[in-house]
Amino acid sequence: MNPPQPPFREGESKGVCLRLIAERYFLRSSSNMKILRLEVPRWERFDGLIHGFLGRFSGQDRPPNTAFRLSCDDGDDPQAVKRNWCELKQALSLPRITIITARQVHGDAVLKVSRGDDKLAGIGDGLMTDAPNLCVGVMTADCVPLLFVEPTRKIAAAVHAGWRGTAAGIAPRAVTLMKEVYRIDPAALHVAMGPSIGPCCYEVGTEVAEQIAMHWREELMDAWRPEGVKGRLDLRALNEAQLLGAGIPQSHIRKIGPCTACHVGDFFSYRKEGKSGHQLSFIGWRG
C-alpha cells in the first residue's frame, strides 16, 4: 500500500521553545551536577505528580563519554551507571522514589508495574502504574517519549515510541490497557510528548511510510511529506493522531521541547551522532 500524498505543515513539530523553559527547569544540585529538566507547565496543578523529560548532563561515566549515562546498553561500566542513578535521584530531590525502566525493543508491549523491588520491569516499551512513590520511565535518543497521567485516580504511564512502535500502535495500546486494567475513561488522560527528532531531520524511506500506512493511513496524512524515494516523517504528529483516535481530547495533548537532532548540545540523537547515550523521561506520584 502506497503512503498518502498530503500537503505538509512545514517546520518542526509544534512544542514549547527550549529557550523559553530551559532557565526555569535548569537545575543544579549541591554536587554541582547540571540537569536539563523539561516539565509540562499545565501539570503543576496535579498535586503530588512527579515527572520530567531530561536531557544531557554531567555524570560519572568513563571517558570519552562525557555525558551522563543511565544504561549499561550504552557501553558504560555498570558501577558507573549505578552511581549515576544515585546521583541523579539526589539531584532531583527524589532519593526515596523508585524509578523503574524496562528493556526496550521497539515493540508494542506495555507492562504493569505494581512494586519497586526490581529496577528493571522486563522487556517492553511502555510501563504503567498506580503505585505511590514509584516512577516509570523510558530512555530515548530521537524516539518519542510519551508521559500519561490520570490525575483523579493517580495513574501514570511512560511509553517509548520510535517508528516501529508507532507503526505497531503502542500509544493507543497503552490507552486501551489503562482503560481495561484501571477502569478509567480515556478522556480523563493527559499526555505529553517530549523532545524527539522532528520532520526537519527525520528522513526515512517510503517503505517505512508504507508499513505505517497499512494500519494508520488516515493518521499518517498530516505526518508524512514524500520526497522521491524518501520522505519526512513527523513522529509526534503521528502519535498525536493516534491518541486522538483513542479518545484523548486535543486539549489534553502537549508537545514539549525541540527536535533532538537540531539540539545535540542538550539532547542525545542517534540520527545525528550514531552511537549515543539516552535521556530519561519519567512520571509517577508521591504517596
C-alpha atoms as a PDB file:
ATOM      1  CA  MET A   1       0.000   0.000   0.000  1.00  0.00           C
ATOM      2  CA  ASN A   2       1.397   3.378  -1.005  1.00  0.00           C
ATOM      3  CA  PRO A   3       1.650   6.118   1.629  1.00  0.00           C
ATOM      4  CA  PRO A   4      -0.628   9.151   1.311  1.00  0.00           C
ATOM      5  CA  GLN A   5       0.486  12.266  -0.574  1.00  0.00           C
ATOM      6  CA  PRO A   6      -0.830  15.154   1.573  1.00  0.00           C
ATOM      7  CA  PRO A   7       0.253  18.760   1.971  1.00  0.00           C
ATOM      8  CA  PHE A   8       2.808  19.005   4.765  1.00  0.00           C
ATOM      9  CA  ARG A   9       2.989  21.533   7.575  1.00  0.00           C
ATOM     10  CA  GLU A  10       6.491  22.934   7.271  1.00  0.00           C
ATOM     11  CA  GLY A  11       8.826  23.147  10.241  1.00  0.00           C
ATOM     12  CA  GLU A  12       9.337  21.202  13.426  1.00  0.00           C
ATOM     13  CA  SER A  13       6.588  19.629  15.474  1.00  0.00           C
ATOM     14  CA  LYS A  14       4.756  22.234  17.484  1.00  0.00           C
ATOM     15  CA  GLY A  15       6.095  22.433  21.012  1.00  0.00           C
ATOM     16  CA  VAL A  16       7.393  24.707  23.697  1.00  0.00           C
ATOM     17  CA  CYS A  17      10.560  26.509  22.642  1.00  0.00           C
ATOM     18  CA  LEU A  18      13.554  25.243  24.610  1.00  0.00           C
ATOM     19  CA  ARG A  19      14.807  28.797  25.133  1.00  0.00           C
ATOM     20  CA  LEU A  20      11.589  29.702  26.942  1.00  0.00           C
ATOM     21  CA  ILE A  21      11.741  26.936  29.518  1.00  0.00           C
ATOM     22  CA  ALA A  22      15.398  25.941  29.884  1.00  0.00           C
ATOM     23  CA  GLU A  23      16.125  28.585  32.509  1.00  0.00           C
ATOM     24  CA  ARG A  24      13.130  27.612  34.600  1.00  0.00           C
ATOM     25  CA  TYR A  25      13.932  23.906  34.657  1.00  0.00           C
ATOM     26  CA  PHE A  26      17.732  24.018  34.581  1.00  0.00           C
ATOM     27  CA  LEU A  27      18.671  22.659  37.995  1.00  0.00           C
ATOM     28  CA  ARG A  28      21.953  22.379  39.851  1.00  0.00           C
ATOM     29  CA  SER A  29      22.484  20.033  42.776  1.00  0.00           C
ATOM     30  CA  SER A  30      24.754  20.588  45.744  1.00  0.00           C
ATOM     31  CA  SER A  31      27.321  18.388  43.987  1.00  0.00           C
ATOM     32  CA  ASN A  32      27.368  20.799  41.018  1.00  0.00           C
ATOM     33  CA  MET A  33      25.532  18.413  38.718  1.00  0.00           C
ATOM     34  CA  LYS A  34      23.797  20.285  35.922  1.00  0.00           C
ATOM     35  CA  ILE A  35      20.459  18.882  34.820  1.00  0.00           C
ATOM     36  CA  LEU A  36      18.207  19.962  31.976  1.00  0.00           C
ATOM     37  CA  ARG A  37      14.684  19.000  33.031  1.00  0.00           C
ATOM     38  CA  LEU A  38      11.615  19.871  30.994  1.00  0.00           C
ATOM     39  CA  GLU A  39       8.183  19.697  32.604  1.00  0.00           C
ATOM     40  CA  VAL A  40       4.627  20.362  31.493  1.00  0.00           C
ATOM     41  CA  PRO A  41       3.570  23.736  32.935  1.00  0.00           C
ATOM     42  CA  ARG A  42      -0.143  22.822  32.909  1.00  0.00           C
ATOM     43  CA  TRP A  43       0.550  19.768  35.046  1.00  0.00           C
ATOM     44  CA  GLU A  44       1.661  21.855  38.018  1.00  0.00           C
ATOM     45  CA  ARG A  45      -1.937  21.747  39.260  1.00  0.00           C
ATOM     46  CA  PHE A  46      -1.749  17.965  39.743  1.00  0.00           C
ATOM     47  CA  ASP A  47      -0.708  17.820  43.389  1.00  0.00           C
ATOM     48  CA  GLY A  48       1.809  15.062  44.092  1.00  0.00           C
ATOM     49  CA  LEU A  49       2.762  14.432  40.460  1.00  0.00           C
ATOM     50  CA  ILE A  50       6.452  13.841  39.679  1.00  0.00           C
ATOM     51  CA  HIS A  51       7.615  13.993  36.073  1.00  0.00           C
ATOM     52  CA  GLY A  52      10.293  15.224  33.737  1.00  0.00           C
ATOM     53  CA  PHE A  53      11.905  14.968  30.324  1.00  0.00           C
ATOM     54  CA  LEU A  54      15.645  15.045  30.955  1.00  0.00           C
ATOM     55  CA  GLY A  55      18.473  15.984  28.610  1.00  0.00           C
ATOM     56  CA  ARG A  56      22.246  15.661  28.698  1.00  0.00           C
ATOM     57  CA  PHE A  57      24.020  16.443  31.936  1.00  0.00           C
ATOM     58  CA  SER A  58      27.248  15.726  33.775  1.00  0.00           C
ATOM     59  CA  GLY A  59      27.927  12.405  35.489  1.00  0.00           C
ATOM     60  CA  GLN A  60      30.497   9.783  36.413  1.00  0.00           C
ATOM     61  CA  ASP A  61      30.655   7.786  33.193  1.00  0.00           C
ATOM     62  CA  ARG A  62      34.029   6.978  31.731  1.00  0.00           C
ATOM     63  CA  PRO A  63      35.881   8.997  29.038  1.00  0.00           C
ATOM     64  CA  PRO A  64      35.386   9.660  26.193  1.00  0.00           C
ATOM     65  CA  ASN A  65      31.683   9.531  27.144  1.00  0.00           C
ATOM     66  CA  THR A  66      31.422  12.920  28.802  1.00  0.00           C
ATOM     67  CA  ALA A  67      27.631  12.899  29.086  1.00  0.00           C
ATOM     68  CA  PHE A  68      25.632  11.329  31.885  1.00  0.00           C
ATOM     69  CA  ARG A  69      24.625   7.738  31.105  1.00  0.00           C
ATOM     70  CA  LEU A  70      21.865   5.706  32.742  1.00  0.00           C
ATOM     71  CA  SER A  71      22.031   2.460  30.771  1.00  0.00           C
ATOM     72  CA  CYS A  72      24.648  -0.272  30.507  1.00  0.00           C
ATOM     73  CA  ASP A  73      23.396  -0.756  26.939  1.00  0.00           C
ATOM     74  CA  ASP A  74      25.302   2.424  26.074  1.00  0.00           C
ATOM     75  CA  GLY A  75      28.555   0.599  26.803  1.00  0.00           C
ATOM     76  CA  ASP A  76      29.277   2.102  30.194  1.00  0.00           C
ATOM     77  CA  ASP A  77      30.523   0.414  33.333  1.00  0.00           C
ATOM     78  CA  PRO A  78      27.611  -0.955  35.419  1.00  0.00           C
ATOM     79  CA  GLN A  79      29.036   0.526  38.612  1.00  0.00           C
ATOM     80  CA  ALA A  80      29.315   3.964  36.994  1.00  0.00           C
ATOM     81  CA  VAL A  81      25.725   3.682  35.777  1.00  0.00           C
ATOM     82  CA  LYS A  82      24.587   2.723  39.286  1.00  0.00           C
ATOM     83  CA  ARG A  83      26.394   5.750  40.747  1.00  0.00           C
ATOM     84  CA  ASN A  84      24.817   7.949  38.090  1.00  0.00           C
ATOM     85  CA  TRP A  85      21.324   6.766  39.083  1.00  0.00           C
ATOM     86  CA  CYS A  86      22.011   7.524  42.742  1.00  0.00           C
ATOM     87  CA  GLU A  87      23.445  10.938  41.899  1.00  0.00           C
ATOM     88  CA  LEU A  88      20.512  11.715  39.625  1.00  0.00           C
ATOM     89  CA  LYS A  89      17.885  10.901  42.259  1.00  0.00           C
ATOM     90  CA  GLN A  90      19.708  13.048  44.796  1.00  0.00           C
ATOM     91  CA  ALA A  91      19.935  15.944  42.343  1.00  0.00           C
ATOM     92  CA  LEU A  92      16.216  15.655  41.566  1.00  0.00           C
ATOM     93  CA  SER A  93      15.405  15.502  45.293  1.00  0.00           C
ATOM     94  CA  LEU A  94      13.886  12.041  44.800  1.00  0.00           C
ATOM     95  CA  PRO A  95      16.122   9.816  46.965  1.00  0.00           C
ATOM     96  CA  ARG A  96      13.180   7.729  48.233  1.00  0.00           C
ATOM     97  CA  ILE A  97      11.350   7.450  44.915  1.00  0.00           C
ATOM     98  CA  THR A  98      11.913   4.277  42.882  1.00  0.00           C
ATOM     99  CA  ILE A  99      12.323   4.812  39.131  1.00  0.00           C
ATOM    100  CA  ILE A 100      11.503   1.717  37.056  1.00  0.00           C
ATOM    101  CA  THR A 101      12.553   1.209  33.435  1.00  0.00           C
ATOM    102  CA  ALA A 102      12.258  -1.733  31.028  1.00  0.00           C
ATOM    103  CA  ARG A 103      14.414  -3.361  28.394  1.00  0.00           C
ATOM    104  CA  GLN A 104      13.159  -1.567  25.294  1.00  0.00           C
ATOM    105  CA  VAL A 105      12.930  -3.463  21.996  1.00  0.00           C
ATOM    106  CA  HIS A 106      10.919  -1.122  19.698  1.00  0.00           C
ATOM    107  CA  GLY A 107       7.764  -3.171  20.187  1.00  0.00           C
ATOM    108  CA  ASP A 108       4.251  -2.559  21.498  1.00  0.00           C
ATOM    109  CA  ALA A 109       4.348  -4.296  24.893  1.00  0.00           C
ATOM    110  CA  VAL A 110       3.120  -2.184  27.819  1.00  0.00           C
ATOM    111  CA  LEU A 111       3.824  -3.622  31.271  1.00  0.00           C
ATOM    112  CA  LYS A 112       2.010  -3.040  34.553  1.00  0.00           C
ATOM    113  CA  VAL A 113       4.297  -2.149  37.466  1.00  0.00           C
ATOM    114  CA  SER A 114       2.903  -2.500  40.980  1.00  0.00           C
ATOM    115  CA  ARG A 115       6.013  -2.590  43.143  1.00  0.00           C
ATOM    116  CA  GLY A 116       9.554  -1.300  43.053  1.00  0.00           C
ATOM    117  CA  ASP A 117      11.525  -4.378  44.080  1.00  0.00           C
ATOM    118  CA  ASP A 118      13.302  -4.534  40.726  1.00  0.00           C
ATOM    119  CA  LYS A 119      14.649  -1.504  38.870  1.00  0.00           C
ATOM    120  CA  LEU A 120      14.105  -3.289  35.518  1.00  0.00           C
ATOM    121  CA  ALA A 121      10.496  -4.301  34.851  1.00  0.00           C
ATOM    122  CA  GLY A 122      11.158  -6.685  31.949  1.00  0.00           C
ATOM    123  CA  ILE A 123      11.002  -6.470  28.163  1.00  0.00           C
ATOM    124  CA  GLY A 124       8.667  -3.778  26.873  1.00  0.00           C
ATOM    125  CA  ASP A 125       8.400  -0.246  25.539  1.00  0.00           C
ATOM    126  CA  GLY A 126       5.750   1.047  27.903  1.00  0.00           C
ATOM    127  CA  LEU A 127       5.130   0.953  31.643  1.00  0.00           C
ATOM    128  CA  MET A 128       2.051   1.890  33.676  1.00  0.00           C
ATOM    129  CA  THR A 129       1.433   2.071  37.406  1.00  0.00           C
ATOM    130  CA  ASP A 130      -0.931   3.210  40.131  1.00  0.00           C
ATOM    131  CA  ALA A 131       1.590   2.599  42.924  1.00  0.00           C
ATOM    132  CA  PRO A 132       2.674   5.568  45.080  1.00  0.00           C
ATOM    133  CA  ASN A 133       6.305   6.658  45.388  1.00  0.00           C
ATOM    134  CA  LEU A 134       7.154   4.865  42.161  1.00  0.00           C
ATOM    135  CA  CYS A 135       8.017   6.417  38.812  1.00  0.00           C
ATOM    136  CA  VAL A 136       8.002   4.639  35.464  1.00  0.00           C
ATOM    137  CA  GLY A 137      10.447   5.781  32.828  1.00  0.00           C
ATOM    138  CA  VAL A 138      11.665   5.315  29.265  1.00  0.00           C
ATOM    139  CA  MET A 139      15.005   6.008  27.593  1.00  0.00           C
ATOM    140  CA  THR A 140      15.143   7.761  24.214  1.00  0.00           C
ATOM    141  CA  ALA A 141      17.560   9.271  21.702  1.00  0.00           C
ATOM    142  CA  ASP A 142      15.287  10.600  18.884  1.00  0.00           C
ATOM    143  CA  CYS A 143      12.274   8.341  19.527  1.00  0.00           C
ATOM    144  CA  VAL A 144       9.221   9.948  21.117  1.00  0.00           C
ATOM    145  CA  PRO A 145       8.866   9.725  24.909  1.00  0.00           C
ATOM    146  CA  LEU A 146       5.207   9.901  25.966  1.00  0.00           C
ATOM    147  CA  LEU A 147       4.100  10.505  29.545  1.00  0.00           C
ATOM    148  CA  PHE A 148       0.488   9.763  30.542  1.00  0.00           C
ATOM    149  CA  VAL A 149      -1.332  10.866  33.676  1.00  0.00           C
ATOM    150  CA  GLU A 150      -4.842  10.382  35.065  1.00  0.00           C
ATOM    151  CA  PRO A 151      -4.958  12.902  37.929  1.00  0.00           C
ATOM    152  CA  THR A 152      -8.085  11.679  39.732  1.00  0.00           C
ATOM    153  CA  ARG A 153      -7.084   8.032  40.037  1.00  0.00           C
ATOM    154  CA  LYS A 154      -3.361   8.903  40.099  1.00  0.00           C
ATOM    155  CA  ILE A 155      -2.414   6.619  37.240  1.00  0.00           C
ATOM    156  CA  ALA A 156       0.889   7.175  35.421  1.00  0.00           C
ATOM    157  CA  ALA A 157       2.455   5.652  32.317  1.00  0.00           C
ATOM    158  CA  ALA A 158       5.537   6.139  30.156  1.00  0.00           C
ATOM    159  CA  VAL A 159       5.897   4.983  26.544  1.00  0.00           C
ATOM    160  CA  HIS A 160       8.824   4.816  24.106  1.00  0.00           C
ATOM    161  CA  ALA A 161       7.637   5.253  20.502  1.00  0.00           C
ATOM    162  CA  GLY A 162      10.046   5.002  17.585  1.00  0.00           C
ATOM    163  CA  TRP A 163       8.682   4.468  14.099  1.00  0.00           C
ATOM    164  CA  ARG A 164       8.307   0.719  14.672  1.00  0.00           C
ATOM    165  CA  GLY A 165       6.494   1.150  17.971  1.00  0.00           C
ATOM    166  CA  THR A 166       4.350   3.860  16.423  1.00  0.00           C
ATOM    167  CA  ALA A 167       3.518   1.610  13.476  1.00  0.00           C
ATOM    168  CA  ALA A 168       2.523  -1.066  15.999  1.00  0.00           C
ATOM    169  CA  GLY A 169       0.280   1.456  17.772  1.00  0.00           C
ATOM    170  CA  ILE A 170       1.961   1.418  21.165  1.00  0.00           C
ATOM    171  CA  ALA A 171       0.469   4.756  22.293  1.00  0.00           C
ATOM    172  CA  PRO A 172      -3.200   3.811  21.689  1.00  0.00           C
ATOM    173  CA  ARG A 173      -2.418   0.353  23.069  1.00  0.00           C
ATOM    174  CA  ALA A 174      -1.292   1.985  26.315  1.00  0.00           C
ATOM    175  CA  VAL A 175      -4.582   3.886  26.440  1.00  0.00           C
ATOM    176  CA  THR A 176      -6.568   0.687  25.888  1.00  0.00           C
ATOM    177  CA  LEU A 177      -4.658  -1.192  28.581  1.00  0.00           C
ATOM    178  CA  MET A 178      -5.093   1.590  31.144  1.00  0.00           C
ATOM    179  CA  LYS A 179      -8.808   1.608  30.362  1.00  0.00           C
ATOM    180  CA  GLU A 180      -9.030  -2.164  30.863  1.00  0.00           C
ATOM    181  CA  VAL A 181      -6.734  -2.518  33.883  1.00  0.00           C
ATOM    182  CA  TYR A 182      -7.604   0.625  35.838  1.00  0.00           C
ATOM    183  CA  ARG A 183     -11.174   1.180  34.554  1.00  0.00           C
ATOM    184  CA  ILE A 184     -10.515   4.768  33.550  1.00  0.00           C
ATOM    185  CA  ASP A 185     -12.038   6.932  30.842  1.00  0.00           C
ATOM    186  CA  PRO A 186      -9.505   7.792  28.087  1.00  0.00           C
ATOM    187  CA  ALA A 187     -10.963  11.309  28.061  1.00  0.00           C
ATOM    188  CA  ALA A 188      -9.565  11.769  31.585  1.00  0.00           C
ATOM    189  CA  LEU A 189      -5.996  11.067  30.485  1.00  0.00           C
ATOM    190  CA  HIS A 190      -3.445  13.805  29.852  1.00  0.00           C
ATOM    191  CA  VAL A 191      -0.456  13.090  27.601  1.00  0.00           C
ATOM    192  CA  ALA A 192       2.815  14.910  26.929  1.00  0.00           C
ATOM    193  CA  MET A 193       5.296  14.081  24.179  1.00  0.00           C
ATOM    194  CA  GLY A 194       8.860  15.098  24.947  1.00  0.00           C
ATOM    195  CA  PRO A 195      11.917  16.047  22.886  1.00  0.00           C
ATOM    196  CA  SER A 196      12.350  13.803  19.843  1.00  0.00           C
ATOM    197  CA  ILE A 197      13.541  14.017  16.274  1.00  0.00           C
ATOM    198  CA  GLY A 198      11.417  16.314  14.124  1.00  0.00           C
ATOM    199  CA  PRO A 199      10.455  16.109  10.443  1.00  0.00           C
ATOM    200  CA  CYS A 200      13.165  18.670   9.780  1.00  0.00           C
ATOM    201  CA  CYS A 201      15.762  15.925  10.415  1.00  0.00           C
ATOM    202  CA  TYR A 202      13.880  12.627  10.167  1.00  0.00           C
ATOM    203  CA  GLU A 203      14.226  11.388   6.595  1.00  0.00           C
ATOM    204  CA  VAL A 204      13.156   7.772   6.021  1.00  0.00           C
ATOM    205  CA  GLY A 205      12.451   5.520   3.059  1.00  0.00           C
ATOM    206  CA  THR A 206       8.957   5.220   1.635  1.00  0.00           C
ATOM    207  CA  GLU A 207       8.913   1.606   2.827  1.00  0.00           C
ATOM    208  CA  VAL A 208       8.618   2.978   6.372  1.00  0.00           C
ATOM    209  CA  ALA A 209       5.589   5.070   5.423  1.00  0.00           C
ATOM    210  CA  GLU A 210       4.093   2.116   3.560  1.00  0.00           C
ATOM    211  CA  GLN A 211       4.385  -0.077   6.642  1.00  0.00           C
ATOM    212  CA  ILE A 212       2.769   2.589   8.824  1.00  0.00           C
ATOM    213  CA  ALA A 213       0.018   3.182   6.242  1.00  0.00           C
ATOM    214  CA  MET A 214      -1.056  -0.469   6.467  1.00  0.00           C
ATOM    215  CA  HIS A 215      -2.793   0.346   9.763  1.00  0.00           C
ATOM    216  CA  TRP A 216      -2.619   4.134  10.157  1.00  0.00           C
ATOM    217  CA  ARG A 217      -3.196   5.579   6.695  1.00  0.00           C
ATOM    218  CA  GLU A 218      -5.513   8.382   7.781  1.00  0.00           C
ATOM    219  CA  GLU A 219      -3.356   9.259  10.804  1.00  0.00           C
ATOM    220  CA  LEU A 220      -0.289   9.454   8.544  1.00  0.00           C
ATOM    221  CA  MET A 221      -1.810  12.128   6.289  1.00  0.00           C
ATOM    222  CA  ASP A 222      -0.513  15.127   8.240  1.00  0.00           C
ATOM    223  CA  ALA A 223       2.698  13.429   9.376  1.00  0.00           C
ATOM    224  CA  TRP A 224       4.326  12.492   6.071  1.00  0.00           C
ATOM    225  CA  ARG A 225       5.944  14.572   3.322  1.00  0.00           C
ATOM    226  CA  PRO A 226       7.132  12.497   0.336  1.00  0.00           C
ATOM    227  CA  GLU A 227      10.428  13.422  -1.328  1.00  0.00           C
ATOM    228  CA  GLY A 228      11.042  10.926  -4.132  1.00  0.00           C
ATOM    229  CA  VAL A 229      12.088   7.525  -2.775  1.00  0.00           C
ATOM    230  CA  LYS A 230      12.278   9.014   0.711  1.00  0.00           C
ATOM    231  CA  GLY A 231      10.254  11.395   2.808  1.00  0.00           C
ATOM    232  CA  ARG A 232       9.999  13.316   6.070  1.00  0.00           C
ATOM    233  CA  LEU A 233       8.171  11.731   8.986  1.00  0.00           C
ATOM    234  CA  ASP A 234       6.713  13.662  11.922  1.00  0.00           C
ATOM    235  CA  LEU A 235       6.543  11.079  14.699  1.00  0.00           C
ATOM    236  CA  ARG A 236       4.907  13.377  17.226  1.00  0.00           C
ATOM    237  CA  ALA A 237       2.155  14.383  14.797  1.00  0.00           C
ATOM    238  CA  LEU A 238       1.511  10.720  14.008  1.00  0.00           C
ATOM    239  CA  ASN A 239       1.328   9.761  17.689  1.00  0.00           C
ATOM    240  CA  GLU A 240      -0.970  12.706  18.328  1.00  0.00           C
ATOM    241  CA  ALA A 241      -3.359  11.493  15.625  1.00  0.00           C
ATOM    242  CA  GLN A 242      -3.337   8.017  17.161  1.00  0.00           C
ATOM    243  CA  LEU A 243      -4.061   9.422  20.616  1.00  0.00           C
ATOM    244  CA  LEU A 244      -6.987  11.447  19.305  1.00  0.00           C
ATOM    245  CA  GLY A 245      -8.380   8.288  17.746  1.00  0.00           C
ATOM    246  CA  ALA A 246      -8.004   6.524  21.093  1.00  0.00           C
ATOM    247  CA  GLY A 247     -10.221   9.088  22.802  1.00  0.00           C
ATOM    248  CA  ILE A 248      -7.723  11.562  24.260  1.00  0.00           C
ATOM    249  CA  PRO A 249      -9.054  15.140  23.954  1.00  0.00           C
ATOM    250  CA  GLN A 250      -6.961  17.519  21.855  1.00  0.00           C
ATOM    251  CA  SER A 251      -6.706  19.887  24.815  1.00  0.00           C
ATOM    252  CA  HIS A 252      -5.087  17.109  26.886  1.00  0.00           C
ATOM    253  CA  ILE A 253      -2.172  16.528  24.478  1.00  0.00           C
ATOM    254  CA  ARG A 254       1.013  18.567  24.858  1.00  0.00           C
ATOM    255  CA  LYS A 255       4.285  18.660  22.897  1.00  0.00           C
ATOM    256  CA  ILE A 256       7.266  19.680  24.988  1.00  0.00           C
ATOM    257  CA  GLY A 257      10.741  20.527  23.743  1.00  0.00           C
ATOM    258  CA  PRO A 258      12.538  20.736  20.409  1.00  0.00           C
ATOM    259  CA  CYS A 259      13.957  18.384  17.791  1.00  0.00           C
ATOM    260  CA  THR A 260      16.702  16.299  19.398  1.00  0.00           C
ATOM    261  CA  ALA A 261      18.806  16.194  16.215  1.00  0.00           C
ATOM    262  CA  CYS A 262      18.739  20.003  15.981  1.00  0.00           C
ATOM    263  CA  HIS A 263      19.807  20.358  19.635  1.00  0.00           C
ATOM    264  CA  VAL A 264      22.504  17.732  20.214  1.00  0.00           C
ATOM    265  CA  GLY A 265      24.143  20.028  22.733  1.00  0.00           C
ATOM    266  CA  ASP A 266      21.160  19.453  25.015  1.00  0.00           C
ATOM    267  CA  PHE A 267      19.818  16.038  23.959  1.00  0.00           C
ATOM    268  CA  PHE A 268      21.139  12.730  22.654  1.00  0.00           C
ATOM    269  CA  SER A 269      20.386  11.989  18.994  1.00  0.00           C
ATOM    270  CA  TYR A 270      21.079   8.617  17.404  1.00  0.00           C
ATOM    271  CA  ARG A 271      20.400  10.018  13.925  1.00  0.00           C
ATOM    272  CA  LYS A 272      22.878  12.877  14.379  1.00  0.00           C
ATOM    273  CA  GLU A 273      25.543  11.138  16.465  1.00  0.00           C
ATOM    274  CA  GLY A 274      25.383   7.442  15.605  1.00  0.00           C
ATOM    275  CA  LYS A 275      26.205   5.607  18.826  1.00  0.00           C
ATOM    276  CA  SER A 276      24.860   7.815  21.582  1.00  0.00           C
ATOM    277  CA  GLY A 277      23.515   7.779  25.085  1.00  0.00           C
ATOM    278  CA  HIS A 278      19.849   8.039  26.039  1.00  0.00           C
ATOM    279  CA  GLN A 279      17.870  10.589  28.010  1.00  0.00           C
ATOM    280  CA  LEU A 280      15.357   9.611  30.659  1.00  0.00           C
ATOM    281  CA  SER A 281      11.695  10.622  30.762  1.00  0.00           C
ATOM    282  CA  PHE A 282       9.801   9.636  33.921  1.00  0.00           C
ATOM    283  CA  ILE A 283       6.476  10.061  35.714  1.00  0.00           C
ATOM    284  CA  GLY A 284       4.788   8.927  38.925  1.00  0.00           C
ATOM    285  CA  TRP A 285       3.027  10.030  42.097  1.00  0.00           C
ATOM    286  CA  ARG A 286       4.201  10.728  45.606  1.00  0.00           C
ATOM    287  CA  GLY A 287       2.475   8.682  48.296  1.00  0.00           C
END
